[in-house]
Protein backbone atom coordinates (compact mmCIF):
# COMPACT_ATOMS: atom_id res chain seq x y z
CA UNK A 1 0.00 0.00 0.00
CA UNK A 2 1.57 3.28 -1.04
CA UNK A 3 0.42 6.75 -0.23
CA UNK A 4 1.62 9.99 -1.75
CA UNK A 5 0.93 13.31 -0.07
CA UNK A 6 1.29 16.57 -2.02
CA UNK A 7 1.84 19.66 0.10
CA UNK A 8 1.65 23.05 -1.64
CA UNK A 9 4.35 25.62 -1.05
CA UNK A 10 2.91 28.84 0.30
CA UNK A 11 4.49 32.10 -0.70
CA UNK A 12 5.45 34.50 2.05
CA UNK A 13 3.70 37.87 2.02
CA UNK A 14 5.00 41.15 3.21
CA UNK A 15 2.99 43.52 5.31
CA UNK A 16 2.62 45.81 2.36
CA UNK A 17 0.53 43.33 0.42
CA UNK A 18 -3.14 44.05 0.52
CA UNK A 19 -5.83 41.40 0.58
CA UNK A 20 -6.68 42.27 -3.05
CA UNK A 21 -3.18 41.34 -4.16
CA UNK A 22 -3.09 38.03 -2.32
CA UNK A 23 -3.31 34.96 -4.45
CA UNK A 24 -6.19 32.54 -3.91
CA UNK A 25 -5.75 30.22 -0.98
CA UNK A 26 -4.02 27.02 -1.94
CA UNK A 27 -6.00 23.86 -2.31
CA UNK A 28 -5.88 21.33 0.53
CA UNK A 29 -3.38 18.52 0.33
CA UNK A 30 -4.33 15.75 -2.09
CA UNK A 31 -3.80 12.13 -1.13
CA UNK A 32 -3.21 9.51 -3.77
CA UNK A 33 -3.80 5.97 -2.59
CA UNK A 34 -3.77 2.58 -4.26
CA UNK A 35 -6.76 1.49 -2.15
CA UNK A 36 -10.23 1.42 -3.62
CA UNK A 37 -12.54 4.13 -2.31
CA UNK A 38 -14.63 3.08 0.69
CA UNK A 39 -18.01 1.69 -0.24
CA UNK A 40 -21.05 3.48 1.03
CA UNK A 41 -22.53 1.93 4.14
CA UNK A 42 -25.88 0.39 3.37
CA UNK A 43 -26.86 0.33 7.04
CA UNK A 44 -26.91 -3.49 7.13
CA UNK A 45 -24.57 -5.47 9.32
CA UNK A 46 -22.23 -7.58 7.23
CA UNK A 47 -20.79 -10.64 8.97
CA UNK A 48 -18.01 -12.94 7.93
CA UNK A 49 -18.52 -16.70 8.00
CA UNK A 50 -16.92 -16.93 11.45
CA UNK A 51 -19.08 -14.05 12.65
CA UNK A 52 -22.23 -15.81 11.48
CA UNK A 53 -21.17 -19.00 13.27
CA UNK A 54 -20.46 -17.12 16.52
CA UNK A 55 -23.70 -15.16 16.29
CA UNK A 56 -25.74 -18.31 15.61
CA UNK A 57 -24.04 -20.15 18.47
CA UNK A 58 -24.68 -17.31 20.90
CA UNK A 59 -28.31 -17.11 19.82
CA UNK A 60 -28.87 -20.88 19.99
CA UNK A 61 -27.12 -21.55 23.34
CA UNK A 62 -29.89 -20.11 25.57
CA UNK A 63 -32.54 -21.93 23.54
CA UNK A 64 -30.71 -25.24 23.92
CA UNK A 65 -30.26 -24.63 27.66
CA UNK A 66 -33.99 -23.99 28.11
CA UNK A 67 -34.85 -27.07 26.02
CA UNK A 68 -32.49 -29.21 28.12
CA UNK A 69 -33.99 -27.83 31.33
CA UNK A 70 -37.53 -28.67 30.22
CA UNK A 71 -36.39 -32.06 28.91
CA UNK A 72 -34.86 -33.02 32.25
CA UNK A 73 -37.74 -31.78 34.36
CA UNK A 74 -40.46 -33.09 32.04
CA UNK A 75 -40.16 -36.69 33.23
CA UNK A 76 -40.45 -36.67 37.03
CA UNK A 77 -39.68 -39.79 39.00
CA UNK A 78 -42.75 -41.76 39.97
CA UNK A 79 -42.86 -43.26 43.43
CA UNK A 80 -45.10 -46.23 44.02
CA UNK A 81 -46.28 -47.85 47.20
CA UNK A 82 -45.55 -51.36 45.93
CA UNK A 83 -42.52 -53.01 47.43
CA UNK A 84 -39.74 -54.64 45.49
CA UNK A 85 -40.07 -58.36 44.93
CA UNK A 86 -36.31 -58.97 45.07
CA UNK A 87 -35.30 -61.08 48.06
CA UNK A 88 -31.67 -61.60 48.97
CA UNK A 89 -29.97 -64.18 51.07
CA UNK A 90 -27.56 -62.74 53.60
CA UNK A 91 -24.31 -63.96 55.10
CA UNK A 92 -23.05 -62.66 58.42
CA UNK A 93 -19.33 -61.98 58.63
CA UNK A 94 -17.62 -63.89 61.45
CA UNK A 95 -14.54 -62.82 63.40
CA UNK A 96 -11.42 -63.06 61.21
CA UNK A 97 -13.41 -63.69 58.00
CA UNK A 98 -12.64 -61.70 54.85
CA UNK A 99 -14.57 -61.15 51.63
CA UNK A 100 -12.13 -63.52 49.93
CA UNK A 101 -13.08 -66.32 52.31
CA UNK A 102 -16.79 -65.50 51.92
CA UNK A 103 -16.44 -65.56 48.12
CA UNK A 104 -14.67 -68.92 48.24
CA UNK A 105 -17.41 -70.40 50.45
CA UNK A 106 -20.44 -69.17 48.44
CA UNK A 107 -19.02 -69.83 44.94
CA UNK A 108 -16.10 -72.26 45.03
CA UNK A 109 -16.18 -72.81 41.25
CA UNK A 110 -16.04 -69.05 40.38
CA UNK A 111 -13.08 -66.71 40.39
CA UNK A 112 -13.07 -65.08 43.86
CA UNK A 113 -12.14 -61.68 42.38
CA UNK A 114 -15.33 -61.65 40.32
CA UNK A 115 -17.44 -62.75 43.28
CA UNK A 116 -15.87 -60.06 45.51
CA UNK A 117 -16.57 -57.41 42.83
CA UNK A 118 -20.22 -58.55 42.68
CA UNK A 119 -20.51 -58.51 46.48
CA UNK A 120 -19.02 -55.02 46.71
CA UNK A 121 -21.30 -53.68 43.96
CA UNK A 122 -24.48 -55.20 45.45
CA UNK A 123 -23.70 -54.06 49.01
CA UNK A 124 -22.30 -50.69 47.91
CA UNK A 125 -18.99 -51.24 49.70
CA UNK A 126 -16.17 -48.75 49.15
CA UNK A 127 -13.47 -51.25 50.11
CA UNK A 128 -13.13 -54.97 50.72
CA UNK A 129 -12.77 -54.44 54.46
CA UNK A 130 -15.59 -56.02 56.48
CA UNK A 131 -16.21 -56.22 60.19
CA UNK A 132 -17.52 -59.11 62.33
CA UNK A 133 -21.33 -59.19 62.52
CA UNK A 134 -21.78 -57.27 59.25
CA UNK A 135 -24.57 -58.66 57.06
CA UNK A 136 -23.64 -59.05 53.40
CA UNK A 137 -26.28 -59.62 50.70
CA UNK A 138 -25.43 -62.50 48.36
CA UNK A 139 -26.09 -61.95 44.62
CA UNK A 140 -28.80 -64.29 43.28
CA UNK A 141 -26.41 -65.95 40.83
CA UNK A 142 -24.38 -67.39 43.74
CA UNK A 143 -27.33 -68.60 45.84
CA UNK A 144 -27.65 -72.36 45.96
CA UNK A 145 -24.05 -73.00 44.89
C-alpha atoms as a PDB file:
ATOM      1  CA  UNK A   1       0.000   0.000   0.000  1.00  0.00           C
ATOM      2  CA  UNK A   2       1.567   3.279  -1.036  1.00  0.00           C
ATOM      3  CA  UNK A   3       0.420   6.754  -0.235  1.00  0.00           C
ATOM      4  CA  UNK A   4       1.623   9.994  -1.751  1.00  0.00           C
ATOM      5  CA  UNK A   5       0.935  13.311  -0.072  1.00  0.00           C
ATOM      6  CA  UNK A   6       1.289  16.573  -2.019  1.00  0.00           C
ATOM      7  CA  UNK A   7       1.841  19.659   0.098  1.00  0.00           C
ATOM      8  CA  UNK A   8       1.648  23.052  -1.637  1.00  0.00           C
ATOM      9  CA  UNK A   9       4.347  25.623  -1.047  1.00  0.00           C
ATOM     10  CA  UNK A  10       2.906  28.838   0.298  1.00  0.00           C
ATOM     11  CA  UNK A  11       4.485  32.099  -0.702  1.00  0.00           C
ATOM     12  CA  UNK A  12       5.447  34.496   2.053  1.00  0.00           C
ATOM     13  CA  UNK A  13       3.702  37.873   2.024  1.00  0.00           C
ATOM     14  CA  UNK A  14       4.997  41.151   3.212  1.00  0.00           C
ATOM     15  CA  UNK A  15       2.994  43.520   5.305  1.00  0.00           C
ATOM     16  CA  UNK A  16       2.621  45.805   2.362  1.00  0.00           C
ATOM     17  CA  UNK A  17       0.530  43.332   0.419  1.00  0.00           C
ATOM     18  CA  UNK A  18      -3.140  44.047   0.524  1.00  0.00           C
ATOM     19  CA  UNK A  19      -5.834  41.400   0.582  1.00  0.00           C
ATOM     20  CA  UNK A  20      -6.680  42.269  -3.051  1.00  0.00           C
ATOM     21  CA  UNK A  21      -3.179  41.338  -4.159  1.00  0.00           C
ATOM     22  CA  UNK A  22      -3.087  38.026  -2.316  1.00  0.00           C
ATOM     23  CA  UNK A  23      -3.308  34.957  -4.453  1.00  0.00           C
ATOM     24  CA  UNK A  24      -6.194  32.538  -3.912  1.00  0.00           C
ATOM     25  CA  UNK A  25      -5.747  30.225  -0.984  1.00  0.00           C
ATOM     26  CA  UNK A  26      -4.019  27.025  -1.937  1.00  0.00           C
ATOM     27  CA  UNK A  27      -6.001  23.857  -2.306  1.00  0.00           C
ATOM     28  CA  UNK A  28      -5.878  21.326   0.531  1.00  0.00           C
ATOM     29  CA  UNK A  29      -3.385  18.518   0.332  1.00  0.00           C
ATOM     30  CA  UNK A  30      -4.326  15.754  -2.091  1.00  0.00           C
ATOM     31  CA  UNK A  31      -3.796  12.132  -1.130  1.00  0.00           C
ATOM     32  CA  UNK A  32      -3.210   9.508  -3.772  1.00  0.00           C
ATOM     33  CA  UNK A  33      -3.802   5.969  -2.592  1.00  0.00           C
ATOM     34  CA  UNK A  34      -3.770   2.581  -4.258  1.00  0.00           C
ATOM     35  CA  UNK A  35      -6.762   1.487  -2.155  1.00  0.00           C
ATOM     36  CA  UNK A  36     -10.226   1.417  -3.620  1.00  0.00           C
ATOM     37  CA  UNK A  37     -12.538   4.134  -2.314  1.00  0.00           C
ATOM     38  CA  UNK A  38     -14.626   3.084   0.686  1.00  0.00           C
ATOM     39  CA  UNK A  39     -18.006   1.694  -0.236  1.00  0.00           C
ATOM     40  CA  UNK A  40     -21.050   3.478   1.027  1.00  0.00           C
ATOM     41  CA  UNK A  41     -22.534   1.931   4.141  1.00  0.00           C
ATOM     42  CA  UNK A  42     -25.884   0.389   3.375  1.00  0.00           C
ATOM     43  CA  UNK A  43     -26.864   0.331   7.041  1.00  0.00           C
ATOM     44  CA  UNK A  44     -26.905  -3.489   7.129  1.00  0.00           C
ATOM     45  CA  UNK A  45     -24.571  -5.467   9.319  1.00  0.00           C
ATOM     46  CA  UNK A  46     -22.233  -7.582   7.228  1.00  0.00           C
ATOM     47  CA  UNK A  47     -20.788 -10.636   8.972  1.00  0.00           C
ATOM     48  CA  UNK A  48     -18.009 -12.940   7.935  1.00  0.00           C
ATOM     49  CA  UNK A  49     -18.520 -16.705   8.002  1.00  0.00           C
ATOM     50  CA  UNK A  50     -16.920 -16.926  11.448  1.00  0.00           C
ATOM     51  CA  UNK A  51     -19.082 -14.046  12.654  1.00  0.00           C
ATOM     52  CA  UNK A  52     -22.234 -15.808  11.478  1.00  0.00           C
ATOM     53  CA  UNK A  53     -21.169 -19.003  13.274  1.00  0.00           C
ATOM     54  CA  UNK A  54     -20.456 -17.124  16.518  1.00  0.00           C
ATOM     55  CA  UNK A  55     -23.704 -15.161  16.287  1.00  0.00           C
ATOM     56  CA  UNK A  56     -25.737 -18.314  15.607  1.00  0.00           C
ATOM     57  CA  UNK A  57     -24.044 -20.153  18.473  1.00  0.00           C
ATOM     58  CA  UNK A  58     -24.678 -17.312  20.901  1.00  0.00           C
ATOM     59  CA  UNK A  59     -28.306 -17.113  19.824  1.00  0.00           C
ATOM     60  CA  UNK A  60     -28.871 -20.880  19.994  1.00  0.00           C
ATOM     61  CA  UNK A  61     -27.116 -21.552  23.336  1.00  0.00           C
ATOM     62  CA  UNK A  62     -29.894 -20.115  25.568  1.00  0.00           C
ATOM     63  CA  UNK A  63     -32.543 -21.927  23.540  1.00  0.00           C
ATOM     64  CA  UNK A  64     -30.709 -25.240  23.925  1.00  0.00           C
ATOM     65  CA  UNK A  65     -30.259 -24.630  27.657  1.00  0.00           C
ATOM     66  CA  UNK A  66     -33.990 -23.993  28.106  1.00  0.00           C
ATOM     67  CA  UNK A  67     -34.850 -27.066  26.019  1.00  0.00           C
ATOM     68  CA  UNK A  68     -32.489 -29.206  28.116  1.00  0.00           C
ATOM     69  CA  UNK A  69     -33.989 -27.832  31.326  1.00  0.00           C
ATOM     70  CA  UNK A  70     -37.526 -28.673  30.217  1.00  0.00           C
ATOM     71  CA  UNK A  71     -36.391 -32.059  28.911  1.00  0.00           C
ATOM     72  CA  UNK A  72     -34.860 -33.024  32.250  1.00  0.00           C
ATOM     73  CA  UNK A  73     -37.738 -31.781  34.361  1.00  0.00           C
ATOM     74  CA  UNK A  74     -40.460 -33.085  32.039  1.00  0.00           C
ATOM     75  CA  UNK A  75     -40.158 -36.687  33.229  1.00  0.00           C
ATOM     76  CA  UNK A  76     -40.454 -36.665  37.029  1.00  0.00           C
ATOM     77  CA  UNK A  77     -39.683 -39.785  39.001  1.00  0.00           C
ATOM     78  CA  UNK A  78     -42.754 -41.757  39.965  1.00  0.00           C
ATOM     79  CA  UNK A  79     -42.855 -43.260  43.426  1.00  0.00           C
ATOM     80  CA  UNK A  80     -45.104 -46.230  44.017  1.00  0.00           C
ATOM     81  CA  UNK A  81     -46.278 -47.852  47.199  1.00  0.00           C
ATOM     82  CA  UNK A  82     -45.548 -51.355  45.935  1.00  0.00           C
ATOM     83  CA  UNK A  83     -42.516 -53.014  47.426  1.00  0.00           C
ATOM     84  CA  UNK A  84     -39.745 -54.641  45.492  1.00  0.00           C
ATOM     85  CA  UNK A  85     -40.071 -58.357  44.928  1.00  0.00           C
ATOM     86  CA  UNK A  86     -36.307 -58.966  45.067  1.00  0.00           C
ATOM     87  CA  UNK A  87     -35.302 -61.075  48.062  1.00  0.00           C
ATOM     88  CA  UNK A  88     -31.669 -61.601  48.969  1.00  0.00           C
ATOM     89  CA  UNK A  89     -29.967 -64.183  51.073  1.00  0.00           C
ATOM     90  CA  UNK A  90     -27.564 -62.739  53.603  1.00  0.00           C
ATOM     91  CA  UNK A  91     -24.314 -63.964  55.096  1.00  0.00           C
ATOM     92  CA  UNK A  92     -23.053 -62.664  58.423  1.00  0.00           C
ATOM     93  CA  UNK A  93     -19.327 -61.984  58.631  1.00  0.00           C
ATOM     94  CA  UNK A  94     -17.624 -63.891  61.447  1.00  0.00           C
ATOM     95  CA  UNK A  95     -14.539 -62.817  63.401  1.00  0.00           C
ATOM     96  CA  UNK A  96     -11.417 -63.062  61.205  1.00  0.00           C
ATOM     97  CA  UNK A  97     -13.407 -63.691  58.002  1.00  0.00           C
ATOM     98  CA  UNK A  98     -12.637 -61.701  54.854  1.00  0.00           C
ATOM     99  CA  UNK A  99     -14.571 -61.153  51.633  1.00  0.00           C
ATOM    100  CA  UNK A 100     -12.128 -63.515  49.926  1.00  0.00           C
ATOM    101  CA  UNK A 101     -13.079 -66.318  52.314  1.00  0.00           C
ATOM    102  CA  UNK A 102     -16.785 -65.504  51.921  1.00  0.00           C
ATOM    103  CA  UNK A 103     -16.438 -65.558  48.120  1.00  0.00           C
ATOM    104  CA  UNK A 104     -14.669 -68.922  48.241  1.00  0.00           C
ATOM    105  CA  UNK A 105     -17.409 -70.398  50.449  1.00  0.00           C
ATOM    106  CA  UNK A 106     -20.439 -69.166  48.439  1.00  0.00           C
ATOM    107  CA  UNK A 107     -19.017 -69.832  44.942  1.00  0.00           C
ATOM    108  CA  UNK A 108     -16.099 -72.259  45.030  1.00  0.00           C
ATOM    109  CA  UNK A 109     -16.182 -72.806  41.251  1.00  0.00           C
ATOM    110  CA  UNK A 110     -16.036 -69.053  40.382  1.00  0.00           C
ATOM    111  CA  UNK A 111     -13.080 -66.709  40.391  1.00  0.00           C
ATOM    112  CA  UNK A 112     -13.072 -65.077  43.863  1.00  0.00           C
ATOM    113  CA  UNK A 113     -12.137 -61.679  42.378  1.00  0.00           C
ATOM    114  CA  UNK A 114     -15.334 -61.650  40.321  1.00  0.00           C
ATOM    115  CA  UNK A 115     -17.440 -62.749  43.280  1.00  0.00           C
ATOM    116  CA  UNK A 116     -15.868 -60.064  45.506  1.00  0.00           C
ATOM    117  CA  UNK A 117     -16.570 -57.411  42.829  1.00  0.00           C
ATOM    118  CA  UNK A 118     -20.225 -58.546  42.678  1.00  0.00           C
ATOM    119  CA  UNK A 119     -20.512 -58.512  46.483  1.00  0.00           C
ATOM    120  CA  UNK A 120     -19.017 -55.020  46.713  1.00  0.00           C
ATOM    121  CA  UNK A 121     -21.301 -53.680  43.960  1.00  0.00           C
ATOM    122  CA  UNK A 122     -24.479 -55.197  45.447  1.00  0.00           C
ATOM    123  CA  UNK A 123     -23.702 -54.065  49.010  1.00  0.00           C
ATOM    124  CA  UNK A 124     -22.298 -50.692  47.908  1.00  0.00           C
ATOM    125  CA  UNK A 125     -18.993 -51.238  49.700  1.00  0.00           C
ATOM    126  CA  UNK A 126     -16.167 -48.753  49.151  1.00  0.00           C
ATOM    127  CA  UNK A 127     -13.468 -51.252  50.112  1.00  0.00           C
ATOM    128  CA  UNK A 128     -13.131 -54.972  50.717  1.00  0.00           C
ATOM    129  CA  UNK A 129     -12.770 -54.439  54.464  1.00  0.00           C
ATOM    130  CA  UNK A 130     -15.593 -56.020  56.479  1.00  0.00           C
ATOM    131  CA  UNK A 131     -16.206 -56.217  60.194  1.00  0.00           C
ATOM    132  CA  UNK A 132     -17.525 -59.108  62.325  1.00  0.00           C
ATOM    133  CA  UNK A 133     -21.329 -59.188  62.522  1.00  0.00           C
ATOM    134  CA  UNK A 134     -21.780 -57.271  59.249  1.00  0.00           C
ATOM    135  CA  UNK A 135     -24.570 -58.663  57.062  1.00  0.00           C
ATOM    136  CA  UNK A 136     -23.637 -59.047  53.395  1.00  0.00           C
ATOM    137  CA  UNK A 137     -26.282 -59.621  50.702  1.00  0.00           C
ATOM    138  CA  UNK A 138     -25.433 -62.498  48.357  1.00  0.00           C
ATOM    139  CA  UNK A 139     -26.085 -61.953  44.618  1.00  0.00           C
ATOM    140  CA  UNK A 140     -28.800 -64.291  43.282  1.00  0.00           C
ATOM    141  CA  UNK A 141     -26.406 -65.949  40.829  1.00  0.00           C
ATOM    142  CA  UNK A 142     -24.376 -67.387  43.742  1.00  0.00           C
ATOM    143  CA  UNK A 143     -27.327 -68.604  45.838  1.00  0.00           C
ATOM    144  CA  UNK A 144     -27.653 -72.356  45.959  1.00  0.00           C
ATOM    145  CA  UNK A 145     -24.046 -72.999  44.886  1.00  0.00           C
END
